[in-house]
Amino acid sequence: MTEQKKNKPAQTFRMGAVKATVWANTTDDGKTFYSVTFSRGYKKGDEWKDTDSFGRDDLPKVEKLAGQAYAWIFEQSAKKATDEGEE
């Protein structure tokens, strides 16, 4: 697996400037687990930057994105269990 492919997000969810990024990770024994990072984009001059700091009005978006990420991860786990049961 190339380094670039390793670092590609499994899924991304956005609400305005707030983003939840889901990362797929593989253990040494080949099992997949997921982690989620949250960020907020902002513009400084002509350049876009990201921060992991959120204001009061961002928090409802973080909450909704966390729910979406949770549901997506849960769905992936269910698909994997179904696929393994079919083999």
Protein backbone atom coordinates (compact mmCIF):
# COMPACT_ATOMS: atom_id res chain seq x y z
CA MET A 1 0.00 0.00 0.00
CA THR A 2 1.43 3.40 -0.93
CA GLU A 3 1.93 6.09 1.67
CA GLN A 4 -0.52 8.38 -0.15
CA LYS A 5 -3.25 5.72 -0.15
CA LYS A 6 -2.63 5.01 3.54
CA ASN A 7 -3.30 8.66 4.41
CA LYS A 8 -6.50 9.02 2.36
CA PRO A 9 -9.61 9.49 4.52
CA ALA A 10 -12.16 6.69 4.47
CA GLN A 11 -14.98 9.25 4.58
CA THR A 12 -15.50 12.98 5.16
CA PHE A 13 -18.58 14.81 6.42
CA ARG A 14 -19.02 18.60 6.27
CA MET A 15 -21.35 21.24 7.62
CA GLY A 16 -20.22 24.67 6.51
CA ALA A 17 -16.64 25.19 7.67
CA VAL A 18 -16.74 22.26 10.13
CA LYS A 19 -15.51 18.86 8.96
CA ALA A 20 -15.38 15.33 10.39
CA THR A 21 -12.81 13.06 8.78
CA VAL A 22 -13.00 9.29 9.29
CA TRP A 23 -9.72 7.37 9.07
CA ALA A 24 -9.45 3.62 8.55
CA ASN A 25 -6.62 1.98 10.46
CA THR A 26 -5.43 -1.60 10.24
CA THR A 27 -4.04 -3.54 13.17
CA ASP A 28 -1.10 -5.94 12.85
CA ASP A 29 -3.55 -8.86 12.67
CA GLY A 30 -5.45 -7.27 9.75
CA LYS A 31 -8.50 -5.94 11.60
CA THR A 32 -9.82 -2.51 10.66
CA PHE A 33 -10.77 0.14 13.18
CA TYR A 34 -11.78 3.74 12.61
CA SER A 35 -10.88 7.05 14.20
CA VAL A 36 -12.40 10.48 13.59
CA THR A 37 -10.83 13.93 13.57
CA PHE A 38 -12.74 17.21 13.60
CA SER A 39 -11.55 20.48 12.11
CA ARG A 40 -12.83 23.91 11.16
CA GLY A 41 -11.64 25.76 8.09
CA TYR A 42 -10.96 29.48 8.10
CA LYS A 43 -9.35 31.94 5.75
CA LYS A 44 -6.30 33.96 6.76
CA GLY A 45 -5.58 36.45 4.00
CA ASP A 46 -5.81 34.47 0.76
CA GLU A 47 -4.89 31.15 2.37
CA TRP A 48 -7.25 28.52 3.82
CA LYS A 49 -6.19 26.95 7.11
CA ASP A 50 -7.64 24.35 9.49
CA THR A 51 -7.95 24.44 13.24
CA ASP A 52 -9.19 21.97 15.84
CA SER A 53 -10.64 24.80 17.92
CA PHE A 54 -14.38 25.41 17.81
CA GLY A 55 -16.57 28.29 18.89
CA ARG A 56 -19.91 28.02 20.63
CA ASP A 57 -21.87 28.11 17.37
CA ASP A 58 -19.69 25.36 15.87
CA LEU A 59 -20.50 22.83 18.60
CA PRO A 60 -23.96 21.79 17.30
CA LYS A 61 -22.30 21.08 13.94
CA VAL A 62 -19.60 18.99 15.63
CA GLU A 63 -22.34 17.06 17.42
CA LYS A 64 -24.25 16.34 14.20
CA LEU A 65 -21.08 15.39 12.33
CA ALA A 66 -20.06 13.06 15.16
CA GLY A 67 -23.44 11.34 14.79
CA GLN A 68 -22.98 10.99 11.03
CA ALA A 69 -19.47 9.60 11.48
CA TYR A 70 -20.72 7.15 14.11
CA ALA A 71 -23.53 5.95 11.84
CA TRP A 72 -21.13 5.51 8.90
CA ILE A 73 -18.63 3.54 11.01
CA PHE A 74 -21.45 1.40 12.42
CA GLU A 75 -22.66 0.71 8.86
CA GLN A 76 -19.16 -0.34 7.77
CA SER A 77 -18.94 -2.75 10.69
CA ALA A 78 -22.35 -4.21 9.83
CA LYS A 79 -21.35 -4.63 6.16
CA LYS A 80 -18.13 -6.37 7.16
CA ALA A 81 -20.01 -8.74 9.49
CA THR A 82 -22.49 -9.53 6.70
CA ASP A 83 -19.70 -10.10 4.18
CA GLU A 84 -17.86 -12.41 6.57
CA GLY A 85 -21.07 -14.34 7.22
CA GLU A 86 -21.57 -14.95 3.49
CA GLU A 87 -18.18 -16.56 3.00
